[in-house]
C-alpha atoms as a PDB file:
ATOM      1  CA  MET A   1      27.535  -0.360  -4.510  1.00  0.00           C
ATOM      2  CA  ALA A   2      23.656  -1.734  -5.824  1.00  0.00           C
ATOM      3  CA  SER A   3      22.265   0.465  -9.226  1.00  0.00           C
ATOM      4  CA  VAL A   4      19.204   2.234  -8.595  1.00  0.00           C
ATOM      5  CA  SER A   5      15.867   2.090 -11.044  1.00  0.00           C
ATOM      6  CA  SER A   6      12.826   2.982 -11.089  1.00  0.00           C
ATOM      7  CA  VAL A   7       9.132   0.544 -11.833  1.00  0.00           C
ATOM      8  CA  THR A   8       7.033   2.992 -13.313  1.00  0.00           C
ATOM      9  CA  VAL A   9       3.341   1.678 -13.442  1.00  0.00           C
ATOM     10  CA  THR A  10       0.934   3.768 -16.485  1.00  0.00           C
ATOM     11  CA  SER A  11      -2.578   3.066 -16.847  1.00  0.00           C
ATOM     12  CA  SER A  12      -4.303   2.614 -20.607  1.00  0.00           C
ATOM     13  CA  ALA A  13      -7.506   4.317 -19.191  1.00  0.00           C
ATOM     14  CA  THR A  14      -7.349   6.852 -17.337  1.00  0.00           C
ATOM     15  CA  GLY A  15      -3.114   8.374 -17.973  1.00  0.00           C
ATOM     16  CA  GLU A  16      -2.246   7.487 -14.232  1.00  0.00           C
ATOM     17  CA  SER A  17       1.332   6.368 -13.281  1.00  0.00           C
ATOM     18  CA  SER A  18       2.585   5.182  -9.923  1.00  0.00           C
ATOM     19  CA  SER A  19       6.268   4.918  -9.647  1.00  0.00           C
ATOM     20  CA  SER A  20       7.912   2.501  -7.257  1.00  0.00           C
ATOM     21  CA  VAL A  21      12.003   2.996  -6.198  1.00  0.00           C
ATOM     22  CA  LYS A  22      14.152  -0.278  -5.789  1.00  0.00           C
ATOM     23  CA  LYS A  23      17.589  -0.067  -4.471  1.00  0.00           C
ATOM     24  CA  ASN A  24      18.394  -3.241  -6.641  1.00  0.00           C
ATOM     25  CA  ASP A  25      17.421  -4.130 -10.700  1.00  0.00           C
ATOM     26  CA  GLN A  26      15.080  -7.344  -9.766  1.00  0.00           C
ATOM     27  CA  LEU A  27      11.473  -7.320  -9.259  1.00  0.00           C
ATOM     28  CA  GLY A  28      10.584  -8.635  -6.219  1.00  0.00           C
ATOM     29  CA  LYS A  29       7.010  -9.733  -4.774  1.00  0.00           C
ATOM     30  CA  ASP A  30       5.600  -6.120  -3.806  1.00  0.00           C
ATOM     31  CA  ASP A  31       6.333  -5.601  -7.398  1.00  0.00           C
ATOM     32  CA  PHE A  32       4.819  -8.449  -9.037  1.00  0.00           C
ATOM     33  CA  LEU A  33       1.484  -7.787  -7.001  1.00  0.00           C
ATOM     34  CA  LYS A  34       1.291  -3.944  -7.484  1.00  0.00           C
ATOM     35  CA  LEU A  35       1.534  -4.224 -11.329  1.00  0.00           C
ATOM     36  CA  LEU A  36      -1.425  -7.376 -10.754  1.00  0.00           C
ATOM     37  CA  VAL A  37      -3.248  -5.141  -8.791  1.00  0.00           C
ATOM     38  CA  ALA A  38      -3.236  -2.441 -10.871  1.00  0.00           C
ATOM     39  CA  GLN A  39      -3.498  -4.403 -13.888  1.00  0.00           C
ATOM     40  CA  LEU A  40      -7.108  -6.103 -13.111  1.00  0.00           C
ATOM     41  CA  ARG A  41      -7.950  -2.294 -11.635  1.00  0.00           C
ATOM     42  CA  TYR A  42      -7.904  -1.196 -15.333  1.00  0.00           C
ATOM     43  CA  GLN A  43      -8.572  -3.880 -16.820  1.00  0.00           C
ATOM     44  CA  ASP A  44     -11.399  -3.148 -20.176  1.00  0.00           C
ATOM     45  CA  PRO A  45     -14.592  -4.230 -18.548  1.00  0.00           C
ATOM     46  CA  MET A  46     -15.572  -5.285 -21.727  1.00  0.00           C
ATOM     47  CA  LYS A  47     -12.449  -7.432 -22.179  1.00  0.00           C
ATOM     48  CA  PRO A  48     -12.052  -8.758 -18.104  1.00  0.00           C
ATOM     49  CA  MET A  49      -9.173 -10.903 -17.334  1.00  0.00           C
ATOM     50  CA  GLU A  50      -9.298 -14.346 -18.912  1.00  0.00           C
ATOM     51  CA  ASP A  51     -10.236 -16.912 -15.286  1.00  0.00           C
ATOM     52  CA  LYS A  52      -6.915 -19.147 -16.632  1.00  0.00           C
ATOM     53  CA  GLU A  53      -4.816 -16.318 -16.955  1.00  0.00           C
ATOM     54  CA  PHE A  54      -5.283 -14.585 -13.547  1.00  0.00           C
ATOM     55  CA  ILE A  55      -4.669 -18.054 -11.932  1.00  0.00           C
ATOM     56  CA  ALA A  56      -1.967 -18.132 -13.851  1.00  0.00           C
ATOM     57  CA  GLN A  57      -0.240 -14.634 -12.569  1.00  0.00           C
ATOM     58  CA  MET A  58      -0.981 -15.987  -8.773  1.00  0.00           C
ATOM     59  CA  ALA A  59       0.945 -19.219  -9.729  1.00  0.00           C
ATOM     60  CA  GLN A  60       3.502 -16.792 -10.656  1.00  0.00           C
ATOM     61  CA  PHE A  61       3.536 -14.989  -7.548  1.00  0.00           C
ATOM     62  CA  SER A  62       3.358 -18.073  -4.903  1.00  0.00           C
ATOM     63  CA  SER A  63       6.580 -18.954  -6.756  1.00  0.00           C
ATOM     64  CA  LEU A  64       8.169 -16.101  -7.095  1.00  0.00           C
ATOM     65  CA  GLU A  65       7.723 -15.608  -2.991  1.00  0.00           C
ATOM     66  CA  GLN A  66       8.777 -18.966  -3.158  1.00  0.00           C
ATOM     67  CA  ILE A  67      11.797 -18.710  -4.094  1.00  0.00           C
ATOM     68  CA  GLN A  68      12.561 -15.700  -2.386  1.00  0.00           C
ATOM     69  CA  ASN A  69      11.629 -16.916   0.845  1.00  0.00           C
ATOM     70  CA  LEU A  70      14.326 -20.723  -0.740  1.00  0.00           C
ATOM     71  CA  ASN A  71      17.305 -17.672  -1.805  1.00  0.00           C
ATOM     72  CA  SER A  72      17.057 -16.398   1.848  1.00  0.00           C
ATOM     73  CA  THR A  73      17.097 -18.875   3.683  1.00  0.00           C
ATOM     74  CA  MET A  74      20.202 -20.655   1.572  1.00  0.00           C
ATOM     75  CA  VAL A  75      21.818 -17.255   1.974  1.00  0.00           C
ATOM     76  CA  THR A  76      21.386 -17.261   5.340  1.00  0.00           C
ATOM     77  CA  MET A  77      22.826 -21.405   5.981  1.00  0.00           C
ATOM     78  CA  GLN A  78      26.503 -19.959   3.517  1.00  0.00           C
ATOM     79  CA  ALA A  79      26.220 -17.728   6.217  1.00  0.00           C
ATOM     80  CA  MET A  80      25.918 -20.253   9.279  1.00  0.00           C
ATOM     81  CA  GLY A  81      28.253 -22.506   7.334  1.00  0.00           C
ATOM     82  CA  LEU A  82      30.741 -19.487   8.086  1.00  0.00           C
ATOM     83  CA  ILE A  83      30.971 -20.072  11.469  1.00  0.00           C
ATOM     84  CA  GLY A  84      34.508 -21.030  13.475  1.00  0.00           C
ATOM     85  CA  LYS A  85      36.413 -20.232   9.154  1.00  0.00           C
ATOM     86  CA  THR A  86      38.841 -17.856   8.619  1.00  0.00           C
ATOM     87  CA  VAL A  87      38.198 -14.888   6.529  1.00  0.00           C
ATOM     88  CA  ARG A  88      39.445 -12.572   4.138  1.00  0.00           C
ATOM     89  CA  TRP A  89      38.219  -9.119   2.586  1.00  0.00           C
ATOM     90  CA  GLN A  90      38.636  -5.339   2.044  1.00  0.00           C
ATOM     91  CA  ASN A  91      37.546  -2.781   4.823  1.00  0.00           C
ATOM     92  CA  GLU A  92      36.816   0.543   2.648  1.00  0.00           C
ATOM     93  CA  ASN A  93      40.086   1.635   2.887  1.00  0.00           C
ATOM     94  CA  GLY A  94      40.746  -1.564   0.589  1.00  0.00           C
ATOM     95  CA  ALA A  95      42.955  -3.120   3.442  1.00  0.00           C
ATOM     96  CA  GLU A  96      43.008  -6.222   3.872  1.00  0.00           C
ATOM     97  CA  GLN A  97      41.679  -8.210   6.811  1.00  0.00           C
ATOM     98  CA  ALA A  98      41.422 -11.293   8.680  1.00  0.00           C
ATOM     99  CA  GLY A  99      40.016 -12.859  11.097  1.00  0.00           C
ATOM    100  CA  ASN A 100      37.926 -16.068  12.396  1.00  0.00           C
ATOM    101  CA  VAL A 101      33.596 -15.835  11.959  1.00  0.00           C
ATOM    102  CA  ARG A 102      32.078 -16.146  15.328  1.00  0.00           C
ATOM    103  CA  ALA A 103      28.586 -15.002  14.030  1.00  0.00           C
ATOM    104  CA  VAL A 104      26.079 -14.755  11.959  1.00  0.00           C
ATOM    105  CA  LYS A 105      23.625 -10.791  12.546  1.00  0.00           C
ATOM    106  CA  ILE A 106      20.260 -10.761  10.367  1.00  0.00           C
ATOM    107  CA  SER A 107      19.591  -7.117   9.437  1.00  0.00           C
ATOM    108  CA  ASP A 108      16.987  -6.774   7.226  1.00  0.00           C
ATOM    109  CA  ARG A 109      16.891  -9.919   6.106  1.00  0.00           C
ATOM    110  CA  GLN A 110      20.775  -9.825   5.477  1.00  0.00           C
ATOM    111  CA  PRO A 111      22.609 -12.401   6.623  1.00  0.00           C
ATOM    112  CA  TYR A 112      26.037 -10.484   8.420  1.00  0.00           C
ATOM    113  CA  ILE A 113      29.039 -12.913   9.785  1.00  0.00           C
ATOM    114  CA  VAL A 114      30.852 -11.481  12.759  1.00  0.00           C
ATOM    115  CA  VAL A 115      34.886 -10.976  12.771  1.00  0.00           C
ATOM    116  CA  GLY A 116      36.238  -9.733  16.372  1.00  0.00           C
ATOM    117  CA  ASP A 117      33.611  -6.241  16.694  1.00  0.00           C
ATOM    118  CA  THR A 118      33.423  -6.258  12.808  1.00  0.00           C
ATOM    119  CA  THR A 119      30.285  -6.677  10.838  1.00  0.00           C
ATOM    120  CA  VAL A 120      30.953  -7.741   7.140  1.00  0.00           C
ATOM    121  CA  GLU A 121      28.907  -8.381   4.482  1.00  0.00           C
ATOM    122  CA  LEU A 122      29.166 -12.076   2.600  1.00  0.00           C
ATOM    123  CA  SER A 123      29.641 -10.428  -0.584  1.00  0.00           C
ATOM    124  CA  LYS A 124      32.957  -8.449   0.731  1.00  0.00           C
ATOM    125  CA  ILE A 125      34.410 -11.850   1.682  1.00  0.00           C
ATOM    126  CA  GLN A 126      36.751 -12.979  -0.597  1.00  0.00           C
ATOM    127  CA  VAL A 127      38.716 -16.398   0.808  1.00  0.00           C
ATOM    128  CA  VAL A 128      37.386 -17.840   3.010  1.00  0.00           C
ATOM    129  CA  GLU A 129      40.323 -20.802   5.032  1.00  0.00           C
ATOM    130  CA  GLU A 130      39.476 -23.699   7.694  1.00  0.00           C
ATOM    131  CA  SER A 131      40.372 -22.265  10.965  1.00  0.00           C
ATOM    132  CA  THR A 132      43.984 -22.553  12.103  1.00  0.00           C
ATOM    133  CA  LYS A 133      43.015 -22.344  15.996  1.00  0.00           C
ATOM    134  CA  GLY A 134      43.787 -24.977  18.631  1.00  0.00           C
ATOM    135  CA  GLY A 135      45.913 -26.919  16.300  1.00  0.00           C
ATOM    136  CA  SER A 136      46.838 -30.271  16.119  1.00  0.00           C
END
């Protein structure tokens, strides 16, 4: 189960704070953008952010978004590569299950493999084998 963490942004100028809860320990692109907007909103008017700093932060934001998109694509491709293979995993009760992957299902931007009538998270897969179906 993923841990839950909270990100809090506090303005030194007003003392206001805003909080967002995430289901994992990673900052995402939405969090990065919120931090950037808060920084711009509460910057000292006598010491505005340098153009170079702003451009650098926008480049970091763009890089983060591209890396996340690439990672999502790679995980989906990994799942698709399992179609036709035999996989083994443990169910919620700890019993080992096995079967042929017949499809990939995308739900909440996460790929899941479909084995028979069961949908399995990729992280649960313990063994991947070549399918023995069809023999020679």
